N, C-alpha and C. Protein backbone atom coordinates (compact mmCIF):
# COMPACT_ATOMS: atom_id res chain seq x y z
N MET A 1 -3.50 34.76 -33.72
CA MET A 1 -2.40 33.80 -33.85
C MET A 1 -1.34 34.02 -32.78
N LYS A 2 -1.01 35.34 -32.51
CA LYS A 2 -0.01 35.65 -31.49
C LYS A 2 -0.47 35.14 -30.12
N LYS A 3 -1.78 35.30 -29.86
CA LYS A 3 -2.31 34.84 -28.57
C LYS A 3 -2.19 33.34 -28.45
N LEU A 4 -2.45 32.65 -29.58
CA LEU A 4 -2.38 31.18 -29.58
C LEU A 4 -0.95 30.72 -29.30
N ILE A 5 0.02 31.34 -29.98
CA ILE A 5 1.43 30.99 -29.78
C ILE A 5 1.86 31.26 -28.35
N LEU A 6 1.43 32.45 -27.83
CA LEU A 6 1.77 32.82 -26.46
C LEU A 6 1.19 31.81 -25.47
N GLY A 7 -0.03 31.37 -25.74
CA GLY A 7 -0.67 30.39 -24.86
C GLY A 7 0.07 29.07 -24.84
N VAL A 8 0.54 28.64 -26.02
CA VAL A 8 1.30 27.39 -26.11
C VAL A 8 2.61 27.50 -25.35
N VAL A 9 3.30 28.64 -25.52
CA VAL A 9 4.58 28.85 -24.83
C VAL A 9 4.39 28.84 -23.32
N LEU A 10 3.39 29.58 -22.85
CA LEU A 10 3.12 29.62 -21.41
C LEU A 10 2.74 28.26 -20.88
N GLY A 11 2.02 27.51 -21.70
CA GLY A 11 1.63 26.15 -21.29
C GLY A 11 2.84 25.25 -21.14
N LEU A 12 3.79 25.38 -22.07
CA LEU A 12 5.01 24.57 -21.99
C LEU A 12 5.84 24.96 -20.77
N ILE A 13 5.92 26.27 -20.48
CA ILE A 13 6.67 26.73 -19.31
C ILE A 13 6.03 26.19 -18.04
N SER A 14 4.70 26.27 -17.99
CA SER A 14 3.97 25.80 -16.81
C SER A 14 4.18 24.31 -16.61
N THR A 15 4.09 23.55 -17.71
CA THR A 15 4.26 22.10 -17.62
C THR A 15 5.66 21.75 -17.14
N GLY A 16 6.66 22.49 -17.66
CA GLY A 16 8.04 22.22 -17.25
C GLY A 16 8.27 22.54 -15.80
N SER A 17 7.62 23.58 -15.30
CA SER A 17 7.83 24.00 -13.92
C SER A 17 7.29 22.99 -12.93
N PHE A 18 6.26 22.30 -13.30
CA PHE A 18 5.61 21.40 -12.36
C PHE A 18 5.83 19.93 -12.71
N ALA A 19 6.73 19.66 -13.65
CA ALA A 19 7.01 18.27 -14.02
C ALA A 19 7.66 17.56 -12.85
N GLN A 20 7.20 16.35 -12.58
CA GLN A 20 7.74 15.57 -11.47
C GLN A 20 9.02 14.87 -11.91
N LYS A 21 10.04 14.94 -11.07
CA LYS A 21 11.31 14.29 -11.38
C LYS A 21 11.35 12.94 -10.67
N LYS A 22 11.54 11.89 -11.43
CA LYS A 22 11.64 10.55 -10.85
C LYS A 22 13.10 10.17 -10.70
N PHE A 23 13.48 9.86 -9.48
CA PHE A 23 14.84 9.42 -9.19
C PHE A 23 14.85 7.90 -9.18
N SER A 24 15.70 7.29 -9.99
CA SER A 24 15.75 5.83 -10.06
C SER A 24 16.90 5.23 -9.25
N GLU A 25 17.96 6.02 -9.04
CA GLU A 25 19.10 5.52 -8.27
C GLU A 25 19.88 6.70 -7.69
N GLY A 26 20.22 6.60 -6.41
CA GLY A 26 20.96 7.69 -5.79
C GLY A 26 20.93 7.63 -4.28
N THR A 27 21.10 8.79 -3.66
CA THR A 27 21.14 8.87 -2.20
C THR A 27 20.29 10.02 -1.69
N ILE A 28 19.78 9.84 -0.48
CA ILE A 28 19.08 10.91 0.24
C ILE A 28 19.81 11.10 1.56
N THR A 29 20.12 12.34 1.90
CA THR A 29 20.74 12.64 3.18
C THR A 29 19.72 13.35 4.06
N TYR A 30 19.52 12.82 5.26
CA TYR A 30 18.58 13.41 6.21
C TYR A 30 19.31 13.99 7.41
N LYS A 31 18.89 15.15 7.86
CA LYS A 31 19.26 15.66 9.18
C LYS A 31 18.23 15.09 10.15
N VAL A 32 18.66 14.50 11.26
CA VAL A 32 17.72 13.85 12.16
C VAL A 32 17.89 14.32 13.60
N GLU A 33 16.78 14.38 14.30
CA GLU A 33 16.74 14.67 15.74
C GLU A 33 15.97 13.52 16.39
N TRP A 34 16.64 12.79 17.28
CA TRP A 34 16.05 11.59 17.87
C TRP A 34 15.15 11.95 19.05
N GLN A 35 14.15 11.11 19.27
CA GLN A 35 13.22 11.28 20.38
C GLN A 35 13.21 9.98 21.19
N PRO A 36 14.28 9.75 21.96
CA PRO A 36 14.42 8.47 22.67
C PRO A 36 13.50 8.37 23.88
N ALA A 37 13.27 7.14 24.31
CA ALA A 37 12.50 6.89 25.52
C ALA A 37 13.27 7.46 26.71
N PRO A 38 12.58 7.78 27.83
CA PRO A 38 13.25 8.38 28.99
C PRO A 38 14.49 7.62 29.46
N GLN A 39 14.43 6.28 29.44
CA GLN A 39 15.56 5.49 29.92
C GLN A 39 16.77 5.54 28.99
N MET A 40 16.58 6.13 27.79
CA MET A 40 17.68 6.20 26.82
C MET A 40 18.18 7.63 26.62
N GLN A 41 17.66 8.59 27.41
CA GLN A 41 18.02 9.98 27.24
C GLN A 41 19.52 10.22 27.36
N GLN A 42 20.19 9.51 28.27
CA GLN A 42 21.61 9.71 28.48
C GLN A 42 22.44 9.29 27.26
N MET A 43 21.87 8.41 26.44
CA MET A 43 22.58 7.92 25.26
C MET A 43 22.31 8.78 24.03
N ALA A 44 21.38 9.75 24.15
CA ALA A 44 20.94 10.52 22.99
C ALA A 44 22.10 11.22 22.28
N ALA A 45 23.09 11.68 23.04
CA ALA A 45 24.22 12.39 22.44
C ALA A 45 25.06 11.50 21.53
N MET A 46 24.91 10.18 21.69
CA MET A 46 25.69 9.23 20.89
C MET A 46 25.00 8.88 19.58
N PHE A 47 23.74 9.29 19.42
CA PHE A 47 23.00 8.97 18.21
C PHE A 47 23.48 9.85 17.05
N PRO A 48 23.43 9.33 15.82
CA PRO A 48 23.88 10.13 14.66
C PRO A 48 22.95 11.29 14.37
N THR A 49 23.51 12.36 13.83
CA THR A 49 22.70 13.53 13.47
C THR A 49 22.31 13.51 11.99
N GLU A 50 22.82 12.50 11.26
CA GLU A 50 22.46 12.33 9.85
C GLU A 50 22.21 10.87 9.55
N LEU A 51 21.30 10.62 8.63
CA LEU A 51 21.05 9.29 8.09
C LEU A 51 21.20 9.36 6.57
N THR A 52 21.70 8.30 6.00
CA THR A 52 21.84 8.24 4.54
C THR A 52 20.98 7.10 4.00
N VAL A 53 20.18 7.39 3.01
CA VAL A 53 19.37 6.38 2.34
C VAL A 53 19.89 6.18 0.93
N TYR A 54 20.23 4.94 0.60
CA TYR A 54 20.61 4.58 -0.77
C TYR A 54 19.40 3.93 -1.43
N PHE A 55 19.11 4.31 -2.66
CA PHE A 55 17.95 3.74 -3.34
C PHE A 55 18.29 3.38 -4.77
N LYS A 56 17.65 2.31 -5.23
CA LYS A 56 17.76 1.89 -6.62
C LYS A 56 16.50 1.14 -6.96
N GLY A 57 15.73 1.65 -7.91
CA GLY A 57 14.45 1.04 -8.23
C GLY A 57 13.55 1.08 -7.01
N ASP A 58 13.03 -0.08 -6.61
CA ASP A 58 12.14 -0.15 -5.45
C ASP A 58 12.87 -0.49 -4.15
N SER A 59 14.17 -0.69 -4.23
CA SER A 59 14.93 -1.07 -3.04
C SER A 59 15.58 0.16 -2.39
N THR A 60 15.54 0.21 -1.05
CA THR A 60 16.19 1.28 -0.31
C THR A 60 16.97 0.68 0.85
N ALA A 61 18.04 1.37 1.23
CA ALA A 61 18.84 0.96 2.38
C ALA A 61 19.09 2.20 3.23
N THR A 62 18.54 2.21 4.45
CA THR A 62 18.69 3.34 5.35
C THR A 62 19.84 3.04 6.31
N VAL A 63 20.93 3.78 6.16
CA VAL A 63 22.15 3.49 6.90
C VAL A 63 22.33 4.50 8.03
N SER A 64 22.55 3.97 9.23
CA SER A 64 22.76 4.79 10.42
C SER A 64 24.07 4.37 11.07
N LYS A 65 24.94 5.34 11.37
CA LYS A 65 26.23 5.05 11.98
C LYS A 65 26.38 5.84 13.28
N SER A 66 26.72 5.13 14.36
CA SER A 66 26.93 5.78 15.65
C SER A 66 28.17 5.19 16.30
N SER A 67 28.51 5.68 17.49
CA SER A 67 29.71 5.22 18.17
C SER A 67 29.58 3.81 18.72
N PHE A 68 28.34 3.31 18.84
CA PHE A 68 28.16 1.96 19.40
C PHE A 68 27.61 0.94 18.42
N SER A 69 27.03 1.37 17.32
CA SER A 69 26.55 0.40 16.33
C SER A 69 26.31 1.07 14.98
N ASN A 70 26.33 0.24 13.94
CA ASN A 70 25.98 0.67 12.59
C ASN A 70 24.83 -0.21 12.10
N THR A 71 23.80 0.40 11.55
CA THR A 71 22.67 -0.38 11.08
C THR A 71 22.35 -0.06 9.63
N ASN A 72 21.76 -1.03 8.96
CA ASN A 72 21.31 -0.87 7.58
C ASN A 72 19.92 -1.50 7.50
N ASN A 73 18.92 -0.66 7.32
CA ASN A 73 17.54 -1.13 7.24
C ASN A 73 17.14 -1.21 5.77
N ILE A 74 17.07 -2.42 5.24
CA ILE A 74 16.80 -2.65 3.81
C ILE A 74 15.31 -2.91 3.60
N LEU A 75 14.75 -2.26 2.61
CA LEU A 75 13.30 -2.36 2.39
C LEU A 75 12.99 -2.36 0.89
N ASN A 76 12.07 -3.24 0.51
CA ASN A 76 11.49 -3.21 -0.84
C ASN A 76 9.98 -3.39 -0.67
N PRO A 77 9.22 -2.29 -0.67
CA PRO A 77 7.78 -2.36 -0.43
C PRO A 77 7.02 -3.24 -1.41
N LYS A 78 7.47 -3.27 -2.67
CA LYS A 78 6.74 -4.04 -3.69
C LYS A 78 6.82 -5.54 -3.44
N THR A 79 7.97 -6.00 -3.00
CA THR A 79 8.14 -7.43 -2.74
C THR A 79 7.93 -7.77 -1.26
N GLU A 80 7.68 -6.72 -0.45
CA GLU A 80 7.49 -6.87 1.00
C GLU A 80 8.71 -7.49 1.67
N TYR A 81 9.88 -7.16 1.13
CA TYR A 81 11.14 -7.67 1.67
C TYR A 81 11.71 -6.66 2.66
N GLN A 82 12.04 -7.13 3.86
CA GLN A 82 12.68 -6.28 4.86
C GLN A 82 13.82 -7.04 5.51
N ARG A 83 14.94 -6.36 5.66
CA ARG A 83 16.10 -6.98 6.29
C ARG A 83 16.84 -5.92 7.11
N LEU A 84 17.25 -6.30 8.30
CA LEU A 84 17.96 -5.39 9.18
C LEU A 84 19.37 -5.94 9.43
N LEU A 85 20.37 -5.13 9.12
CA LEU A 85 21.76 -5.49 9.37
C LEU A 85 22.27 -4.64 10.53
N ILE A 86 22.86 -5.31 11.52
CA ILE A 86 23.36 -4.62 12.71
C ILE A 86 24.83 -4.99 12.92
N ASP A 87 25.68 -3.98 12.97
CA ASP A 87 27.11 -4.17 13.20
C ASP A 87 27.46 -3.52 14.53
N VAL A 88 27.97 -4.32 15.49
CA VAL A 88 28.36 -3.81 16.81
C VAL A 88 29.87 -3.97 16.95
N PRO A 89 30.65 -2.97 16.52
CA PRO A 89 32.12 -3.10 16.53
C PRO A 89 32.71 -3.42 17.89
N MET A 90 32.19 -2.81 18.96
CA MET A 90 32.77 -3.02 20.29
C MET A 90 32.61 -4.46 20.77
N ARG A 91 31.66 -5.19 20.18
CA ARG A 91 31.48 -6.60 20.52
C ARG A 91 31.97 -7.53 19.41
N ASN A 92 32.45 -6.89 18.34
CA ASN A 92 32.90 -7.65 17.17
C ASN A 92 31.82 -8.61 16.69
N LYS A 93 30.58 -8.11 16.64
CA LYS A 93 29.44 -8.91 16.23
C LYS A 93 28.69 -8.23 15.08
N LYS A 94 28.19 -9.06 14.17
CA LYS A 94 27.36 -8.58 13.08
C LYS A 94 26.16 -9.51 12.95
N PHE A 95 24.96 -8.92 12.92
CA PHE A 95 23.74 -9.72 12.84
C PHE A 95 22.90 -9.30 11.65
N SER A 96 22.24 -10.29 11.05
CA SER A 96 21.32 -10.06 9.94
C SER A 96 19.97 -10.66 10.29
N VAL A 97 18.92 -9.87 10.15
CA VAL A 97 17.56 -10.34 10.44
C VAL A 97 16.69 -10.12 9.21
N ILE A 98 16.20 -11.20 8.62
CA ILE A 98 15.23 -11.10 7.54
C ILE A 98 13.84 -11.24 8.15
N LEU A 99 13.03 -10.21 8.01
CA LEU A 99 11.72 -10.21 8.64
C LEU A 99 10.72 -11.07 7.86
N THR A 100 10.04 -11.94 8.56
CA THR A 100 8.98 -12.75 7.96
C THR A 100 7.69 -11.93 7.95
N PRO A 101 6.65 -12.37 7.20
CA PRO A 101 5.37 -11.67 7.25
C PRO A 101 4.81 -11.57 8.67
N ASP A 102 5.01 -12.61 9.49
CA ASP A 102 4.55 -12.57 10.88
C ASP A 102 5.32 -11.53 11.68
N ASP A 103 6.62 -11.41 11.42
CA ASP A 103 7.43 -10.40 12.10
C ASP A 103 6.93 -9.00 11.77
N VAL A 104 6.62 -8.78 10.48
CA VAL A 104 6.13 -7.47 10.04
C VAL A 104 4.82 -7.13 10.74
N GLU A 105 3.94 -8.11 10.86
CA GLU A 105 2.66 -7.89 11.55
C GLU A 105 2.90 -7.54 13.02
N GLN A 106 3.85 -8.23 13.65
CA GLN A 106 4.17 -7.96 15.04
C GLN A 106 4.71 -6.54 15.21
N MET A 107 5.54 -6.11 14.28
CA MET A 107 6.11 -4.77 14.35
C MET A 107 5.04 -3.69 14.19
N LYS A 108 3.99 -4.00 13.44
CA LYS A 108 2.92 -3.02 13.24
C LYS A 108 2.25 -2.65 14.55
N GLU A 109 2.27 -3.58 15.52
CA GLU A 109 1.67 -3.29 16.83
C GLU A 109 2.38 -2.13 17.50
N PHE A 110 3.68 -1.99 17.22
CA PHE A 110 4.47 -0.94 17.85
C PHE A 110 4.68 0.25 16.93
N GLY A 111 4.24 0.13 15.68
CA GLY A 111 4.42 1.20 14.72
C GLY A 111 3.38 2.29 14.87
N PRO A 112 3.55 3.40 14.17
CA PRO A 112 2.63 4.53 14.27
C PRO A 112 1.34 4.32 13.47
N GLU A 113 0.31 5.03 13.87
CA GLU A 113 -0.95 5.09 13.12
C GLU A 113 -1.23 6.56 12.84
N PHE A 114 -0.95 6.98 11.61
CA PHE A 114 -1.05 8.39 11.26
C PHE A 114 -2.39 8.74 10.61
N LYS A 115 -2.93 9.88 11.02
CA LYS A 115 -4.06 10.49 10.33
C LYS A 115 -3.53 11.80 9.74
N VAL A 116 -3.61 11.92 8.41
CA VAL A 116 -2.99 13.05 7.71
C VAL A 116 -4.05 13.99 7.17
N SER A 117 -3.92 15.28 7.51
CA SER A 117 -4.88 16.30 7.05
C SER A 117 -4.14 17.41 6.32
N PRO A 118 -4.54 17.71 5.08
CA PRO A 118 -3.84 18.76 4.32
C PRO A 118 -4.19 20.15 4.80
N THR A 119 -3.27 21.10 4.62
CA THR A 119 -3.53 22.51 4.85
C THR A 119 -3.28 23.24 3.53
N THR A 120 -3.53 24.54 3.53
CA THR A 120 -3.30 25.34 2.32
C THR A 120 -1.93 26.01 2.33
N GLU A 121 -1.16 25.80 3.39
CA GLU A 121 0.13 26.47 3.53
C GLU A 121 1.20 25.77 2.69
N THR A 122 2.02 26.56 2.02
CA THR A 122 3.10 26.03 1.19
C THR A 122 4.40 26.77 1.48
N LYS A 123 5.51 26.12 1.13
CA LYS A 123 6.82 26.77 1.22
C LYS A 123 7.81 25.98 0.35
N THR A 124 9.00 26.49 0.21
CA THR A 124 10.05 25.80 -0.54
C THR A 124 11.03 25.17 0.43
N VAL A 125 11.29 23.88 0.23
CA VAL A 125 12.25 23.15 1.07
C VAL A 125 13.35 22.61 0.17
N ASN A 126 14.56 23.15 0.32
CA ASN A 126 15.71 22.73 -0.50
C ASN A 126 15.39 22.77 -2.00
N GLY A 127 14.65 23.79 -2.41
CA GLY A 127 14.35 23.97 -3.82
C GLY A 127 13.11 23.25 -4.31
N TYR A 128 12.45 22.48 -3.44
CA TYR A 128 11.24 21.75 -3.82
C TYR A 128 9.99 22.44 -3.27
N ASN A 129 8.94 22.50 -4.08
CA ASN A 129 7.67 23.04 -3.62
C ASN A 129 7.03 22.06 -2.65
N ALA A 130 6.65 22.55 -1.48
CA ALA A 130 6.11 21.67 -0.44
C ALA A 130 4.81 22.21 0.14
N GLN A 131 3.93 21.27 0.51
CA GLN A 131 2.66 21.61 1.13
C GLN A 131 2.66 21.06 2.55
N LYS A 132 2.10 21.85 3.47
CA LYS A 132 2.06 21.42 4.87
C LYS A 132 0.85 20.54 5.15
N TYR A 133 1.09 19.46 5.89
CA TYR A 133 0.05 18.57 6.35
C TYR A 133 0.11 18.48 7.87
N THR A 134 -1.06 18.44 8.50
CA THR A 134 -1.13 18.22 9.94
C THR A 134 -1.34 16.74 10.17
N ILE A 135 -0.46 16.15 10.98
CA ILE A 135 -0.50 14.71 11.19
C ILE A 135 -0.74 14.38 12.65
N SER A 136 -1.71 13.52 12.89
CA SER A 136 -2.01 13.06 14.25
C SER A 136 -1.61 11.60 14.36
N GLU A 137 -0.88 11.28 15.44
CA GLU A 137 -0.49 9.90 15.69
C GLU A 137 -1.46 9.35 16.73
N LYS A 138 -2.29 8.39 16.32
CA LYS A 138 -3.42 7.93 17.13
C LYS A 138 -3.00 7.33 18.47
N LYS A 139 -1.93 6.55 18.50
CA LYS A 139 -1.56 5.83 19.71
C LYS A 139 -1.05 6.76 20.82
N SER A 140 -0.25 7.76 20.43
CA SER A 140 0.30 8.68 21.42
C SER A 140 -0.55 9.92 21.63
N GLY A 141 -1.42 10.21 20.63
CA GLY A 141 -2.24 11.41 20.72
C GLY A 141 -1.48 12.67 20.33
N LYS A 142 -0.26 12.52 19.83
CA LYS A 142 0.55 13.68 19.46
C LYS A 142 0.18 14.17 18.06
N THR A 143 0.31 15.49 17.87
CA THR A 143 0.03 16.11 16.58
C THR A 143 1.25 16.93 16.16
N PHE A 144 1.61 16.86 14.89
CA PHE A 144 2.75 17.62 14.39
C PHE A 144 2.54 17.97 12.93
N ASP A 145 3.34 18.90 12.45
CA ASP A 145 3.26 19.34 11.05
C ASP A 145 4.35 18.66 10.23
N SER A 146 4.02 18.33 8.99
CA SER A 146 4.99 17.76 8.06
C SER A 146 4.83 18.42 6.70
N TRP A 147 5.89 18.38 5.92
CA TRP A 147 5.88 19.01 4.59
C TRP A 147 6.18 17.96 3.53
N PHE A 148 5.30 17.89 2.53
CA PHE A 148 5.42 16.91 1.45
C PHE A 148 5.55 17.64 0.11
N THR A 149 6.29 17.02 -0.80
CA THR A 149 6.40 17.58 -2.15
C THR A 149 5.97 16.55 -3.18
N LYS A 150 5.42 17.04 -4.28
CA LYS A 150 5.10 16.19 -5.42
C LYS A 150 6.03 16.49 -6.59
N ASP A 151 7.11 17.23 -6.30
CA ASP A 151 8.10 17.55 -7.32
C ASP A 151 8.97 16.34 -7.67
N VAL A 152 9.09 15.39 -6.71
CA VAL A 152 9.97 14.25 -6.92
C VAL A 152 9.24 12.94 -6.66
N ASP A 153 9.74 11.88 -7.26
CA ASP A 153 9.22 10.53 -7.06
C ASP A 153 10.39 9.64 -6.65
N VAL A 154 10.38 9.21 -5.39
CA VAL A 154 11.45 8.36 -4.86
C VAL A 154 10.80 7.21 -4.10
N SER A 155 11.38 6.03 -4.18
CA SER A 155 10.83 4.86 -3.48
C SER A 155 10.80 5.09 -1.97
N ALA A 156 9.83 4.47 -1.31
CA ALA A 156 9.69 4.58 0.14
C ALA A 156 10.86 3.90 0.84
N ASN A 157 11.35 4.52 1.91
CA ASN A 157 12.39 3.92 2.73
C ASN A 157 11.86 3.67 4.13
N SER A 158 12.70 3.22 5.05
CA SER A 158 12.23 2.85 6.38
C SER A 158 11.68 4.04 7.16
N LEU A 159 12.07 5.26 6.77
CA LEU A 159 11.54 6.46 7.43
C LEU A 159 10.21 6.90 6.84
N THR A 160 10.07 6.78 5.52
CA THR A 160 8.89 7.31 4.83
C THR A 160 7.81 6.27 4.57
N GLN A 161 8.06 4.99 4.92
CA GLN A 161 7.13 3.91 4.57
C GLN A 161 5.76 4.04 5.24
N PHE A 162 5.67 4.82 6.31
CA PHE A 162 4.41 4.92 7.05
C PHE A 162 3.42 5.90 6.41
N PHE A 163 3.86 6.64 5.38
CA PHE A 163 3.02 7.65 4.75
C PHE A 163 2.50 7.19 3.39
N ASP A 164 1.24 7.50 3.11
CA ASP A 164 0.65 7.20 1.82
C ASP A 164 1.35 8.03 0.75
N LYS A 165 1.79 7.37 -0.32
CA LYS A 165 2.53 8.06 -1.37
C LYS A 165 1.68 9.10 -2.09
N ALA A 166 0.37 9.03 -1.92
CA ALA A 166 -0.52 10.00 -2.57
C ALA A 166 -0.28 11.42 -2.07
N PHE A 167 0.27 11.55 -0.85
CA PHE A 167 0.54 12.88 -0.29
C PHE A 167 1.81 13.49 -0.88
N GLY A 168 2.61 12.68 -1.55
CA GLY A 168 3.87 13.14 -2.09
C GLY A 168 5.03 12.57 -1.29
N PHE A 169 6.20 13.15 -1.47
CA PHE A 169 7.40 12.67 -0.78
C PHE A 169 7.66 13.56 0.43
N PRO A 170 7.83 12.98 1.63
CA PRO A 170 8.03 13.79 2.84
C PRO A 170 9.41 14.44 2.85
N LEU A 171 9.45 15.75 3.12
CA LEU A 171 10.70 16.49 3.19
C LEU A 171 11.05 16.86 4.62
N GLU A 172 10.05 17.23 5.41
CA GLU A 172 10.22 17.51 6.84
C GLU A 172 9.09 16.77 7.56
N PHE A 173 9.45 15.87 8.47
CA PHE A 173 8.42 15.02 9.06
C PHE A 173 8.93 14.33 10.31
N GLN A 174 8.02 13.68 11.03
CA GLN A 174 8.39 12.85 12.16
C GLN A 174 8.03 11.41 11.82
N SER A 175 8.89 10.49 12.21
CA SER A 175 8.68 9.09 11.88
C SER A 175 9.31 8.21 12.95
N PHE A 176 9.60 6.96 12.59
CA PHE A 176 10.22 6.02 13.51
C PHE A 176 11.33 5.28 12.79
N GLN A 177 12.42 5.02 13.51
CA GLN A 177 13.54 4.27 12.98
C GLN A 177 14.04 3.33 14.07
N SER A 178 14.00 2.03 13.81
CA SER A 178 14.41 1.03 14.79
C SER A 178 13.62 1.19 16.09
N GLY A 179 12.34 1.51 15.95
CA GLY A 179 11.45 1.61 17.10
C GLY A 179 11.56 2.91 17.88
N MET A 180 12.35 3.86 17.41
CA MET A 180 12.54 5.11 18.11
C MET A 180 12.01 6.28 17.29
N GLY A 181 11.40 7.25 17.98
CA GLY A 181 10.90 8.43 17.29
C GLY A 181 12.03 9.27 16.74
N VAL A 182 11.81 9.87 15.58
CA VAL A 182 12.84 10.69 14.96
C VAL A 182 12.20 11.78 14.10
N LYS A 183 12.74 12.99 14.21
CA LYS A 183 12.33 14.10 13.35
C LYS A 183 13.35 14.20 12.23
N ALA A 184 12.90 14.13 10.99
CA ALA A 184 13.82 14.08 9.85
C ALA A 184 13.55 15.22 8.87
N THR A 185 14.62 15.76 8.32
CA THR A 185 14.55 16.80 7.30
C THR A 185 15.50 16.43 6.16
N VAL A 186 15.00 16.45 4.94
CA VAL A 186 15.84 16.14 3.79
C VAL A 186 16.85 17.26 3.57
N LYS A 187 18.13 16.90 3.55
CA LYS A 187 19.18 17.86 3.24
C LYS A 187 19.52 17.85 1.76
N GLU A 188 19.45 16.63 1.16
CA GLU A 188 19.84 16.51 -0.24
C GLU A 188 19.30 15.23 -0.84
N ILE A 189 18.85 15.31 -2.08
CA ILE A 189 18.53 14.13 -2.88
C ILE A 189 19.44 14.18 -4.10
N LYS A 190 20.24 13.15 -4.28
CA LYS A 190 21.25 13.19 -5.33
C LYS A 190 21.24 11.91 -6.15
N GLU A 191 21.25 12.06 -7.47
CA GLU A 191 21.34 10.90 -8.36
C GLU A 191 22.77 10.38 -8.41
N GLY A 192 22.91 9.07 -8.61
CA GLY A 192 24.24 8.49 -8.72
C GLY A 192 24.22 7.02 -8.37
N LYS A 193 25.31 6.34 -8.65
CA LYS A 193 25.41 4.91 -8.37
C LYS A 193 25.47 4.65 -6.87
N VAL A 194 24.78 3.60 -6.41
CA VAL A 194 24.84 3.22 -5.01
C VAL A 194 25.98 2.23 -4.81
N PRO A 195 26.50 2.09 -3.59
CA PRO A 195 27.60 1.14 -3.34
C PRO A 195 27.18 -0.29 -3.65
N ALA A 196 28.09 -1.05 -4.21
CA ALA A 196 27.81 -2.46 -4.51
C ALA A 196 27.52 -3.23 -3.22
N GLY A 197 26.49 -4.07 -3.27
CA GLY A 197 26.16 -4.90 -2.12
C GLY A 197 25.41 -4.20 -1.00
N ILE A 198 24.97 -2.97 -1.22
CA ILE A 198 24.31 -2.21 -0.15
C ILE A 198 22.97 -2.84 0.26
N PHE A 199 22.37 -3.64 -0.63
CA PHE A 199 21.07 -4.25 -0.33
C PHE A 199 21.20 -5.72 0.09
N SER A 200 22.36 -6.12 0.51
CA SER A 200 22.57 -7.51 0.93
C SER A 200 23.56 -7.56 2.08
N ALA A 201 23.74 -8.75 2.67
CA ALA A 201 24.67 -8.94 3.78
C ALA A 201 25.89 -9.73 3.32
N THR A 202 27.04 -9.37 3.86
CA THR A 202 28.26 -10.14 3.59
C THR A 202 28.28 -11.39 4.47
N LYS A 203 29.21 -12.30 4.18
CA LYS A 203 29.24 -13.60 4.85
C LYS A 203 29.57 -13.51 6.34
N ASP A 204 30.12 -12.38 6.79
CA ASP A 204 30.49 -12.26 8.20
C ASP A 204 29.32 -11.87 9.10
N TYR A 205 28.12 -11.74 8.52
CA TYR A 205 26.92 -11.47 9.32
C TYR A 205 26.29 -12.78 9.77
N GLU A 206 25.93 -12.84 11.04
CA GLU A 206 25.25 -14.02 11.60
C GLU A 206 23.74 -13.86 11.41
N GLU A 207 23.12 -14.84 10.76
CA GLU A 207 21.69 -14.78 10.54
C GLU A 207 20.96 -15.19 11.83
N ILE A 208 20.09 -14.31 12.31
CA ILE A 208 19.26 -14.61 13.48
C ILE A 208 17.81 -14.26 13.16
N THR A 209 16.91 -14.71 14.00
CA THR A 209 15.49 -14.42 13.80
C THR A 209 15.13 -13.11 14.50
N PHE A 210 13.97 -12.59 14.14
CA PHE A 210 13.49 -11.37 14.79
C PHE A 210 13.26 -11.62 16.29
N ALA A 211 12.76 -12.80 16.63
CA ALA A 211 12.53 -13.15 18.04
C ALA A 211 13.85 -13.16 18.81
N GLN A 212 14.92 -13.66 18.20
CA GLN A 212 16.23 -13.66 18.84
C GLN A 212 16.74 -12.22 19.04
N LEU A 213 16.50 -11.38 18.06
CA LEU A 213 16.91 -9.97 18.18
C LEU A 213 16.20 -9.29 19.34
N VAL A 214 14.88 -9.51 19.42
CA VAL A 214 14.10 -8.92 20.50
C VAL A 214 14.62 -9.38 21.86
N ALA A 215 14.93 -10.67 21.96
CA ALA A 215 15.45 -11.23 23.22
C ALA A 215 16.81 -10.61 23.57
N MET A 216 17.64 -10.42 22.57
CA MET A 216 18.96 -9.82 22.80
C MET A 216 18.85 -8.39 23.30
N MET A 217 17.81 -7.70 22.86
CA MET A 217 17.62 -6.31 23.25
C MET A 217 16.86 -6.17 24.57
N GLY A 218 16.60 -7.32 25.20
CA GLY A 218 15.93 -7.30 26.51
C GLY A 218 14.43 -7.28 26.41
N GLY A 219 13.89 -7.55 25.23
CA GLY A 219 12.44 -7.59 25.07
C GLY A 219 11.91 -8.98 25.33
N GLY A 220 10.63 -9.13 25.16
CA GLY A 220 10.00 -10.43 25.37
C GLY A 220 8.62 -10.42 24.78
N LYS A 221 7.92 -11.50 24.97
CA LYS A 221 6.57 -11.59 24.41
C LYS A 221 5.62 -10.74 25.22
N ARG A 222 4.68 -10.19 24.50
CA ARG A 222 3.69 -9.33 25.14
C ARG A 222 2.62 -10.19 25.78
């Protein structure tokens, strides 16, 4: 009988230790290191060293603030809704771009193609149990290590959307933000209310198309 009771107690302890925590609303703070194209190296010092992600349910807003612009990348994977808000204070301009399905397909041409391979190596990252994965990016041929945890369940944001959720939640990884490479590390995941209106645009934003945005940035058709 004592062995049976001991087994039940140990089982409960084990279950509690590995229970996944689901976050329904809150913020994620990332430490980021940007990997800009050669022609943008001189501007690298102006890029933010932190990104904040606000999440509620399936919606996320990845907010980036720098000396020349503020952006909010809004994403809801379940509804396939994507919206980019760009605030350029020095030009007194604010733009809102709602991506169409065709726009999303076009962006995939420039997005990463990851091949993820698990390893047996583990470590603790900010209190979360993490497993190391080796990731190869097919287009560039680059390989890097990333750490994923299954301790938490958080909706995908613009940084983590490229990874299959089956691997867990990325804690240390390389990804892309606004078309630029970035190395990201989770500093904190915190529950709490998100700011009102964080997933929408105010009336002072000018609605433009993705094609107009590309043209403004000096891009063009391939």
